[in-house]
C-alpha atoms as a PDB file:
ATOM      1  CA  UNK A   1       0.000   0.000   0.000  1.00  0.00           C
ATOM      2  CA  UNK A   2       1.159   3.530  -0.728  1.00  0.00           C
ATOM      3  CA  UNK A   3       2.020   5.493   2.393  1.00  0.00           C
ATOM      4  CA  UNK A   4       0.279   8.750   3.190  1.00  0.00           C
ATOM      5  CA  UNK A   5       2.556  11.781   2.940  1.00  0.00           C
ATOM      6  CA  UNK A   6       2.712  13.861   6.077  1.00  0.00           C
ATOM      7  CA  UNK A   7       4.146  16.850   4.224  1.00  0.00           C
ATOM      8  CA  UNK A   8       3.937  17.619   0.524  1.00  0.00           C
ATOM      9  CA  UNK A   9       6.562  20.183  -0.472  1.00  0.00           C
ATOM     10  CA  UNK A  10       5.705  21.962  -3.720  1.00  0.00           C
ATOM     11  CA  UNK A  11       8.946  23.652  -4.749  1.00  0.00           C
ATOM     12  CA  UNK A  12      10.810  24.038  -8.040  1.00  0.00           C
ATOM     13  CA  UNK A  13      14.153  25.343  -6.778  1.00  0.00           C
ATOM     14  CA  UNK A  14      16.582  22.414  -6.233  1.00  0.00           C
ATOM     15  CA  UNK A  15      18.552  24.378  -3.628  1.00  0.00           C
ATOM     16  CA  UNK A  16      15.381  25.094  -1.613  1.00  0.00           C
ATOM     17  CA  UNK A  17      14.320  21.442  -1.888  1.00  0.00           C
ATOM     18  CA  UNK A  18      17.649  20.279  -0.478  1.00  0.00           C
ATOM     19  CA  UNK A  19      17.554  22.961   2.199  1.00  0.00           C
ATOM     20  CA  UNK A  20      14.089  21.764   3.247  1.00  0.00           C
ATOM     21  CA  UNK A  21      15.138  18.089   3.246  1.00  0.00           C
ATOM     22  CA  UNK A  22      18.191  18.808   5.393  1.00  0.00           C
ATOM     23  CA  UNK A  23      16.237  21.111   7.704  1.00  0.00           C
ATOM     24  CA  UNK A  24      13.512  18.520   8.349  1.00  0.00           C
ATOM     25  CA  UNK A  25      16.136  15.821   8.984  1.00  0.00           C
ATOM     26  CA  UNK A  26      18.139  18.151  11.227  1.00  0.00           C
ATOM     27  CA  UNK A  27      15.143  19.070  13.366  1.00  0.00           C
ATOM     28  CA  UNK A  28      14.343  15.348  13.627  1.00  0.00           C
ATOM     29  CA  UNK A  29      10.857  15.716  12.200  1.00  0.00           C
ATOM     30  CA  UNK A  30       9.396  12.231  12.148  1.00  0.00           C
ATOM     31  CA  UNK A  31       7.398  12.540   8.963  1.00  0.00           C
ATOM     32  CA  UNK A  32       6.968  11.105   5.502  1.00  0.00           C
ATOM     33  CA  UNK A  33       8.070  13.920   3.207  1.00  0.00           C
ATOM     34  CA  UNK A  34       7.174  14.066  -0.526  1.00  0.00           C
ATOM     35  CA  UNK A  35       8.398  16.634  -3.049  1.00  0.00           C
ATOM     36  CA  UNK A  36       6.842  17.744  -6.334  1.00  0.00           C
ATOM     37  CA  UNK A  37       8.467  20.378  -8.508  1.00  0.00           C
ATOM     38  CA  UNK A  38       5.667  22.202 -10.317  1.00  0.00           C
ATOM     39  CA  UNK A  39       2.023  23.109  -9.911  1.00  0.00           C
ATOM     40  CA  UNK A  40       0.751  20.531 -12.366  1.00  0.00           C
ATOM     41  CA  UNK A  41       2.603  17.729 -10.562  1.00  0.00           C
ATOM     42  CA  UNK A  42       1.238  18.989  -7.222  1.00  0.00           C
ATOM     43  CA  UNK A  43      -2.339  18.803  -8.493  1.00  0.00           C
ATOM     44  CA  UNK A  44      -1.729  15.355 -10.024  1.00  0.00           C
ATOM     45  CA  UNK A  45      -0.367  14.171  -6.660  1.00  0.00           C
ATOM     46  CA  UNK A  46      -3.236  15.636  -4.657  1.00  0.00           C
ATOM     47  CA  UNK A  47      -6.002  14.581  -7.062  1.00  0.00           C
ATOM     48  CA  UNK A  48      -4.431  11.117  -7.633  1.00  0.00           C
ATOM     49  CA  UNK A  49      -4.173  11.350 -11.393  1.00  0.00           C
ATOM     50  CA  UNK A  50      -1.521  10.769 -14.051  1.00  0.00           C
ATOM     51  CA  UNK A  51       1.683   9.382 -12.559  1.00  0.00           C
ATOM     52  CA  UNK A  52       0.011   9.478  -9.117  1.00  0.00           C
ATOM     53  CA  UNK A  53      -3.166   7.552 -10.019  1.00  0.00           C
ATOM     54  CA  UNK A  54      -2.067   4.679  -7.754  1.00  0.00           C
ATOM     55  CA  UNK A  55      -2.499   7.027  -4.779  1.00  0.00           C
ATOM     56  CA  UNK A  56      -6.290   6.799  -5.183  1.00  0.00           C
ATOM     57  CA  UNK A  57      -7.771   5.884  -1.801  1.00  0.00           C
ATOM     58  CA  UNK A  58      -4.761   7.214   0.122  1.00  0.00           C
ATOM     59  CA  UNK A  59      -5.559  10.089   2.447  1.00  0.00           C
ATOM     60  CA  UNK A  60      -4.242  13.506   1.406  1.00  0.00           C
ATOM     61  CA  UNK A  61      -1.073  14.852   3.009  1.00  0.00           C
ATOM     62  CA  UNK A  62      -1.372  16.240   6.504  1.00  0.00           C
ATOM     63  CA  UNK A  63      -0.106  19.583   5.184  1.00  0.00           C
ATOM     64  CA  UNK A  64       1.189  21.187   2.009  1.00  0.00           C
ATOM     65  CA  UNK A  65       4.152  23.564   1.908  1.00  0.00           C
ATOM     66  CA  UNK A  66       3.509  25.586  -1.235  1.00  0.00           C
ATOM     67  CA  UNK A  67       5.799  27.924  -3.142  1.00  0.00           C
ATOM     68  CA  UNK A  68       4.033  30.601  -5.200  1.00  0.00           C
ATOM     69  CA  UNK A  69       6.333  30.915  -8.211  1.00  0.00           C
ATOM     70  CA  UNK A  70       6.041  27.521  -9.882  1.00  0.00           C
ATOM     71  CA  UNK A  71       6.347  26.308 -13.466  1.00  0.00           C
ATOM     72  CA  UNK A  72       3.309  25.081 -15.438  1.00  0.00           C
ATOM     73  CA  UNK A  73       0.667  26.096 -12.869  1.00  0.00           C
ATOM     74  CA  UNK A  74       1.464  28.792 -10.306  1.00  0.00           C
ATOM     75  CA  UNK A  75       1.038  28.391  -6.572  1.00  0.00           C
ATOM     76  CA  UNK A  76      -2.026  30.626  -6.393  1.00  0.00           C
ATOM     77  CA  UNK A  77      -3.906  28.358  -8.819  1.00  0.00           C
ATOM     78  CA  UNK A  78      -2.764  25.264  -6.911  1.00  0.00           C
ATOM     79  CA  UNK A  79      -4.064  26.862  -3.698  1.00  0.00           C
ATOM     80  CA  UNK A  80      -7.363  27.789  -5.385  1.00  0.00           C
ATOM     81  CA  UNK A  81      -7.894  24.218  -6.607  1.00  0.00           C
ATOM     82  CA  UNK A  82      -6.988  22.648  -3.263  1.00  0.00           C
ATOM     83  CA  UNK A  83      -9.385  24.868  -1.337  1.00  0.00           C
ATOM     84  CA  UNK A  84     -12.097  24.385  -3.968  1.00  0.00           C
ATOM     85  CA  UNK A  85     -12.086  20.578  -3.740  1.00  0.00           C
ATOM     86  CA  UNK A  86     -14.298  18.991  -1.061  1.00  0.00           C
ATOM     87  CA  UNK A  87     -11.803  16.201  -0.279  1.00  0.00           C
ATOM     88  CA  UNK A  88      -8.852  18.595  -0.049  1.00  0.00           C
ATOM     89  CA  UNK A  89     -10.174  21.876   1.353  1.00  0.00           C
ATOM     90  CA  UNK A  90      -9.371  20.886   4.938  1.00  0.00           C
ATOM     91  CA  UNK A  91      -5.735  20.081   4.136  1.00  0.00           C
ATOM     92  CA  UNK A  92      -3.648  22.844   5.715  1.00  0.00           C
ATOM     93  CA  UNK A  93      -1.748  24.791   3.068  1.00  0.00           C
ATOM     94  CA  UNK A  94       1.261  26.716   4.302  1.00  0.00           C
ATOM     95  CA  UNK A  95       2.555  29.121   1.694  1.00  0.00           C
ATOM     96  CA  UNK A  96       6.342  29.215   1.857  1.00  0.00           C
ATOM     97  CA  UNK A  97       7.492  32.047  -0.376  1.00  0.00           C
ATOM     98  CA  UNK A  98      10.388  34.425  -0.818  1.00  0.00           C
ATOM     99  CA  UNK A  99       7.846  37.246  -1.245  1.00  0.00           C
ATOM    100  CA  UNK A 100       6.901  39.378   1.729  1.00  0.00           C
ATOM    101  CA  UNK A 101       4.664  41.678  -0.328  1.00  0.00           C
ATOM    102  CA  UNK A 102       1.394  42.491   1.413  1.00  0.00           C
ATOM    103  CA  UNK A 103      -0.557  41.884  -1.806  1.00  0.00           C
ATOM    104  CA  UNK A 104       0.820  38.302  -2.126  1.00  0.00           C
ATOM    105  CA  UNK A 105       0.050  37.581   1.517  1.00  0.00           C
ATOM    106  CA  UNK A 106      -3.509  38.970   1.276  1.00  0.00           C
ATOM    107  CA  UNK A 107      -4.200  37.080  -1.965  1.00  0.00           C
ATOM    108  CA  UNK A 108      -3.086  33.789  -0.392  1.00  0.00           C
ATOM    109  CA  UNK A 109      -5.266  34.265   2.678  1.00  0.00           C
ATOM    110  CA  UNK A 110      -8.193  35.276   0.441  1.00  0.00           C
ATOM    111  CA  UNK A 111      -7.778  31.948  -1.375  1.00  0.00           C
ATOM    112  CA  UNK A 112      -7.799  29.994   1.905  1.00  0.00           C
ATOM    113  CA  UNK A 113      -4.133  29.604   2.889  1.00  0.00           C
ATOM    114  CA  UNK A 114      -3.786  28.454   6.479  1.00  0.00           C
ATOM    115  CA  UNK A 115      -0.461  30.184   6.983  1.00  0.00           C
ATOM    116  CA  UNK A 116       2.009  32.348   5.072  1.00  0.00           C
ATOM    117  CA  UNK A 117       5.714  32.092   5.840  1.00  0.00           C
ATOM    118  CA  UNK A 118       8.608  33.922   4.213  1.00  0.00           C
ATOM    119  CA  UNK A 119      11.487  31.596   3.326  1.00  0.00           C
ATOM    120  CA  UNK A 120      14.468  32.196   5.582  1.00  0.00           C
ATOM    121  CA  UNK A 121      17.808  32.549   3.814  1.00  0.00           C
ATOM    122  CA  UNK A 122      19.984  31.061   6.566  1.00  0.00           C
ATOM    123  CA  UNK A 123      20.103  27.301   7.189  1.00  0.00           C
ATOM    124  CA  UNK A 124      19.694  27.707  10.949  1.00  0.00           C
ATOM    125  CA  UNK A 125      16.578  29.829  10.497  1.00  0.00           C
ATOM    126  CA  UNK A 126      15.165  27.369   7.956  1.00  0.00           C
ATOM    127  CA  UNK A 127      15.819  24.504  10.386  1.00  0.00           C
ATOM    128  CA  UNK A 128      13.932  26.378  13.100  1.00  0.00           C
ATOM    129  CA  UNK A 129      11.069  27.028  10.683  1.00  0.00           C
ATOM    130  CA  UNK A 130      10.993  23.307   9.736  1.00  0.00           C
ATOM    131  CA  UNK A 131      10.913  22.398  13.416  1.00  0.00           C
ATOM    132  CA  UNK A 132       8.117  24.871  14.126  1.00  0.00           C
ATOM    133  CA  UNK A 133       6.077  23.740  11.102  1.00  0.00           C
ATOM    134  CA  UNK A 134       6.411  20.036  11.875  1.00  0.00           C
ATOM    135  CA  UNK A 135       5.715  20.517  15.578  1.00  0.00           C
ATOM    136  CA  UNK A 136       2.634  22.654  15.048  1.00  0.00           C
ATOM    137  CA  UNK A 137       1.060  21.078  11.939  1.00  0.00           C
ATOM    138  CA  UNK A 138       2.031  17.436  12.608  1.00  0.00           C
ATOM    139  CA  UNK A 139       2.022  17.224  16.405  1.00  0.00           C
ATOM    140  CA  UNK A 140      -0.163  19.936  17.963  1.00  0.00           C
ATOM    141  CA  UNK A 141      -2.744  20.665  15.266  1.00  0.00           C
ATOM    142  CA  UNK A 142      -5.748  18.350  15.136  1.00  0.00           C
ATOM    143  CA  UNK A 143      -5.819  16.554  11.778  1.00  0.00           C
ATOM    144  CA  UNK A 144      -9.183  17.547  10.231  1.00  0.00           C
ATOM    145  CA  UNK A 145      -8.980  15.159   7.283  1.00  0.00           C
ATOM    146  CA  UNK A 146      -8.363  12.037   9.385  1.00  0.00           C
ATOM    147  CA  UNK A 147     -10.721   9.438   7.969  1.00  0.00           C
ATOM    148  CA  UNK A 148     -12.209  11.809   5.365  1.00  0.00           C
ATOM    149  CA  UNK A 149     -12.072   9.183   2.622  1.00  0.00           C
ATOM    150  CA  UNK A 150     -14.130   6.745   4.658  1.00  0.00           C
ATOM    151  CA  UNK A 151     -17.894   6.591   3.979  1.00  0.00           C
END
């Protein structure tokens, strides 16, 4: 059986992907971590289609870390589709962007983002952010989609 992802990282920058992987390992986050590199792949993963069709019946990730500037389909459209889908709308989406512009932040919250974080540039700060994200969203937060796929 295919394992449920605890965290789905949607990120196209290889350096940021590696930084996130190392940060989550360093903070000892006990989680199953999946990475997709563009908006189209993220939607295929979440909606269990294309290369991810075998995920059908597997619960959605416990949270999504979403970059805004993505190839194929941008992060805002990914967010809009997640929050517009009955089986996905309760999945927490944490926007993780290099932008700190008020208009980007407002637009994400208007579309239903659960949190908006600006990517730290330093490894130590990113490790702390990874620790905070995993502790809050995977340990403290109550998982709203638990059992959602059951009748």
